[in-house]
Amino acid sequence: MSLEEAARQLKMAGHDAQVAFDCVGLGDLERAQEHALTLRAAADAAEVALSRALQDMTPDQAQAEGERAVKALEDVV
């Protein structure tokens, strides 16, 4: 797993959080709950990816990799 995967999972979690929020506002609580569950799964996957990716990195390497991962995601969008 890489920091790119962690960044991708966090982006997905953010999307699911927004959809869950919107569903609550619309009164669709079942759909809000579904997105809250997928939000949690994506956040957990991001945590695992971050933990594995950072195990053997120095702080400078982690920063450089993080910046590269964010740039890669920005290029996709």
N, C-alpha and C. Protein backbone atom coordinates (compact mmCIF):
# COMPACT_ATOMS: atom_id res chain seq x y z
N MET A 1 0.85 -1.19 0.00
CA MET A 1 0.00 0.00 0.00
C MET A 1 0.89 1.24 0.00
N SER A 2 0.36 2.30 -0.54
CA SER A 2 1.15 3.51 -0.66
C SER A 2 0.39 4.71 -0.13
N LEU A 3 1.09 5.82 -0.08
CA LEU A 3 0.42 7.05 0.32
C LEU A 3 -0.61 7.47 -0.70
N GLU A 4 -0.40 7.11 -1.97
CA GLU A 4 -1.42 7.40 -2.98
C GLU A 4 -2.73 6.69 -2.64
N GLU A 5 -2.61 5.44 -2.19
CA GLU A 5 -3.81 4.70 -1.80
C GLU A 5 -4.47 5.33 -0.58
N ALA A 6 -3.67 5.77 0.37
CA ALA A 6 -4.23 6.43 1.55
C ALA A 6 -4.95 7.72 1.15
N ALA A 7 -4.34 8.48 0.27
CA ALA A 7 -4.97 9.72 -0.19
C ALA A 7 -6.26 9.43 -0.94
N ARG A 8 -6.27 8.38 -1.75
CA ARG A 8 -7.48 8.00 -2.49
C ARG A 8 -8.59 7.60 -1.53
N GLN A 9 -8.24 6.82 -0.51
CA GLN A 9 -9.23 6.39 0.47
C GLN A 9 -9.79 7.58 1.26
N LEU A 10 -8.93 8.52 1.61
CA LEU A 10 -9.39 9.69 2.34
C LEU A 10 -10.31 10.55 1.48
N LYS A 11 -10.00 10.63 0.19
CA LYS A 11 -10.86 11.38 -0.72
C LYS A 11 -12.23 10.71 -0.81
N MET A 12 -12.25 9.39 -0.88
CA MET A 12 -13.52 8.66 -0.92
C MET A 12 -14.30 8.86 0.39
N ALA A 13 -13.59 8.85 1.50
CA ALA A 13 -14.25 9.06 2.79
C ALA A 13 -14.88 10.45 2.85
N GLY A 14 -14.18 11.44 2.35
CA GLY A 14 -14.72 12.80 2.32
C GLY A 14 -15.99 12.89 1.47
N HIS A 15 -15.97 12.20 0.35
CA HIS A 15 -17.15 12.19 -0.52
C HIS A 15 -18.33 11.53 0.20
N ASP A 16 -18.08 10.38 0.82
CA ASP A 16 -19.16 9.69 1.53
C ASP A 16 -19.68 10.51 2.70
N ALA A 17 -18.81 11.27 3.35
CA ALA A 17 -19.26 12.14 4.44
C ALA A 17 -20.21 13.21 3.91
N GLN A 18 -19.87 13.79 2.78
CA GLN A 18 -20.72 14.83 2.20
C GLN A 18 -22.07 14.25 1.77
N VAL A 19 -22.06 13.06 1.15
CA VAL A 19 -23.31 12.44 0.72
C VAL A 19 -24.16 12.09 1.93
N ALA A 20 -23.55 11.54 2.99
CA ALA A 20 -24.31 11.21 4.20
C ALA A 20 -24.93 12.46 4.80
N PHE A 21 -24.17 13.53 4.84
CA PHE A 21 -24.68 14.81 5.36
C PHE A 21 -25.88 15.28 4.55
N ASP A 22 -25.74 15.23 3.23
CA ASP A 22 -26.84 15.66 2.36
C ASP A 22 -28.07 14.79 2.55
N CYS A 23 -27.85 13.48 2.69
CA CYS A 23 -28.98 12.57 2.89
C CYS A 23 -29.72 12.85 4.19
N VAL A 24 -28.99 13.18 5.24
CA VAL A 24 -29.64 13.55 6.50
C VAL A 24 -30.51 14.77 6.28
N GLY A 25 -29.98 15.75 5.58
CA GLY A 25 -30.74 16.96 5.30
C GLY A 25 -32.00 16.71 4.49
N LEU A 26 -31.95 15.66 3.64
CA LEU A 26 -33.11 15.32 2.82
C LEU A 26 -34.06 14.35 3.53
N GLY A 27 -33.67 13.91 4.73
CA GLY A 27 -34.50 12.98 5.48
C GLY A 27 -34.36 11.53 5.06
N ASP A 28 -33.37 11.22 4.22
CA ASP A 28 -33.14 9.84 3.77
C ASP A 28 -32.11 9.20 4.70
N LEU A 29 -32.58 8.79 5.88
CA LEU A 29 -31.67 8.31 6.90
C LEU A 29 -31.05 6.95 6.57
N GLU A 30 -31.77 6.10 5.86
CA GLU A 30 -31.20 4.80 5.49
C GLU A 30 -30.00 4.99 4.55
N ARG A 31 -30.15 5.85 3.58
CA ARG A 31 -29.04 6.12 2.66
C ARG A 31 -27.90 6.83 3.39
N ALA A 32 -28.24 7.71 4.32
CA ALA A 32 -27.20 8.38 5.11
C ALA A 32 -26.39 7.35 5.90
N GLN A 33 -27.09 6.37 6.48
CA GLN A 33 -26.39 5.34 7.24
C GLN A 33 -25.48 4.51 6.34
N GLU A 34 -25.94 4.17 5.14
CA GLU A 34 -25.10 3.42 4.20
C GLU A 34 -23.80 4.18 3.90
N HIS A 35 -23.94 5.47 3.66
CA HIS A 35 -22.74 6.27 3.33
C HIS A 35 -21.86 6.48 4.56
N ALA A 36 -22.46 6.53 5.72
CA ALA A 36 -21.66 6.63 6.95
C ALA A 36 -20.83 5.36 7.14
N LEU A 37 -21.40 4.21 6.80
CA LEU A 37 -20.65 2.95 6.91
C LEU A 37 -19.51 2.89 5.89
N THR A 38 -19.78 3.32 4.66
CA THR A 38 -18.70 3.30 3.67
C THR A 38 -17.64 4.36 3.99
N LEU A 39 -18.06 5.44 4.60
CA LEU A 39 -17.11 6.45 5.08
C LEU A 39 -16.16 5.83 6.09
N ARG A 40 -16.72 5.09 7.02
CA ARG A 40 -15.89 4.47 8.06
C ARG A 40 -14.92 3.45 7.45
N ALA A 41 -15.41 2.66 6.48
CA ALA A 41 -14.54 1.67 5.84
C ALA A 41 -13.39 2.35 5.10
N ALA A 42 -13.68 3.43 4.39
CA ALA A 42 -12.63 4.15 3.66
C ALA A 42 -11.64 4.79 4.62
N ALA A 43 -12.13 5.35 5.73
CA ALA A 43 -11.23 5.96 6.71
C ALA A 43 -10.33 4.90 7.35
N ASP A 44 -10.89 3.73 7.65
CA ASP A 44 -10.09 2.64 8.21
C ASP A 44 -9.03 2.17 7.21
N ALA A 45 -9.42 2.05 5.93
CA ALA A 45 -8.46 1.63 4.91
C ALA A 45 -7.34 2.67 4.76
N ALA A 46 -7.69 3.94 4.86
CA ALA A 46 -6.67 4.99 4.78
C ALA A 46 -5.71 4.90 5.96
N GLU A 47 -6.24 4.63 7.13
CA GLU A 47 -5.38 4.50 8.31
C GLU A 47 -4.39 3.36 8.15
N VAL A 48 -4.85 2.22 7.65
CA VAL A 48 -3.97 1.07 7.43
C VAL A 48 -2.92 1.40 6.38
N ALA A 49 -3.34 2.02 5.28
CA ALA A 49 -2.41 2.38 4.22
C ALA A 49 -1.34 3.35 4.72
N LEU A 50 -1.77 4.32 5.50
CA LEU A 50 -0.80 5.28 6.05
C LEU A 50 0.18 4.60 6.99
N SER A 51 -0.33 3.76 7.85
CA SER A 51 0.53 3.07 8.81
C SER A 51 1.59 2.24 8.10
N ARG A 52 1.17 1.48 7.10
CA ARG A 52 2.11 0.63 6.37
C ARG A 52 3.10 1.45 5.55
N ALA A 53 2.62 2.50 4.93
CA ALA A 53 3.50 3.31 4.07
C ALA A 53 4.55 4.06 4.88
N LEU A 54 4.21 4.44 6.09
CA LEU A 54 5.11 5.28 6.88
C LEU A 54 6.04 4.51 7.81
N GLN A 55 5.89 3.20 7.89
CA GLN A 55 6.69 2.42 8.83
C GLN A 55 8.19 2.63 8.69
N ASP A 56 8.68 2.67 7.48
CA ASP A 56 10.12 2.73 7.27
C ASP A 56 10.59 4.06 6.70
N MET A 57 9.75 5.10 6.77
CA MET A 57 10.13 6.39 6.18
C MET A 57 10.60 7.37 7.24
N THR A 58 11.51 8.22 6.82
CA THR A 58 11.89 9.34 7.67
C THR A 58 10.81 10.41 7.50
N PRO A 59 10.75 11.39 8.40
CA PRO A 59 9.76 12.47 8.22
C PRO A 59 9.90 13.19 6.88
N ASP A 60 11.13 13.42 6.42
CA ASP A 60 11.33 14.10 5.14
C ASP A 60 10.83 13.24 3.98
N GLN A 61 11.09 11.94 4.04
CA GLN A 61 10.60 11.05 2.99
C GLN A 61 9.07 11.01 3.00
N ALA A 62 8.48 10.97 4.18
CA ALA A 62 7.02 10.93 4.30
C ALA A 62 6.40 12.20 3.71
N GLN A 63 7.01 13.35 3.99
CA GLN A 63 6.50 14.61 3.45
C GLN A 63 6.59 14.61 1.93
N ALA A 64 7.71 14.19 1.39
CA ALA A 64 7.88 14.17 -0.06
C ALA A 64 6.89 13.21 -0.71
N GLU A 65 6.70 12.03 -0.13
CA GLU A 65 5.75 11.06 -0.66
C GLU A 65 4.32 11.59 -0.56
N GLY A 66 4.00 12.25 0.53
CA GLY A 66 2.66 12.82 0.70
C GLY A 66 2.38 13.89 -0.34
N GLU A 67 3.35 14.74 -0.59
CA GLU A 67 3.19 15.78 -1.60
C GLU A 67 3.02 15.15 -2.98
N ARG A 68 3.76 14.09 -3.26
CA ARG A 68 3.65 13.40 -4.54
C ARG A 68 2.27 12.76 -4.69
N ALA A 69 1.76 12.15 -3.61
CA ALA A 69 0.44 11.52 -3.65
C ALA A 69 -0.66 12.54 -3.90
N VAL A 70 -0.58 13.68 -3.22
CA VAL A 70 -1.60 14.73 -3.41
C VAL A 70 -1.53 15.25 -4.84
N LYS A 71 -0.34 15.45 -5.36
CA LYS A 71 -0.17 15.93 -6.74
C LYS A 71 -0.76 14.93 -7.73
N ALA A 72 -0.53 13.65 -7.49
CA ALA A 72 -1.06 12.61 -8.38
C ALA A 72 -2.59 12.64 -8.38
N LEU A 73 -3.20 12.83 -7.22
CA LEU A 73 -4.65 12.91 -7.15
C LEU A 73 -5.17 14.17 -7.83
N GLU A 74 -4.47 15.28 -7.68
CA GLU A 74 -4.89 16.52 -8.32
C GLU A 74 -4.83 16.39 -9.84
N ASP A 75 -3.84 15.65 -10.35
CA ASP A 75 -3.70 15.47 -11.79
C ASP A 75 -4.84 14.63 -12.35
N VAL A 76 -5.40 13.74 -11.54
CA VAL A 76 -6.51 12.90 -11.97
C VAL A 76 -7.79 13.71 -12.10
N VAL A 77 -7.96 14.65 -11.19
CA VAL A 77 -9.20 15.45 -11.16
C VAL A 77 -9.10 16.53 -12.14
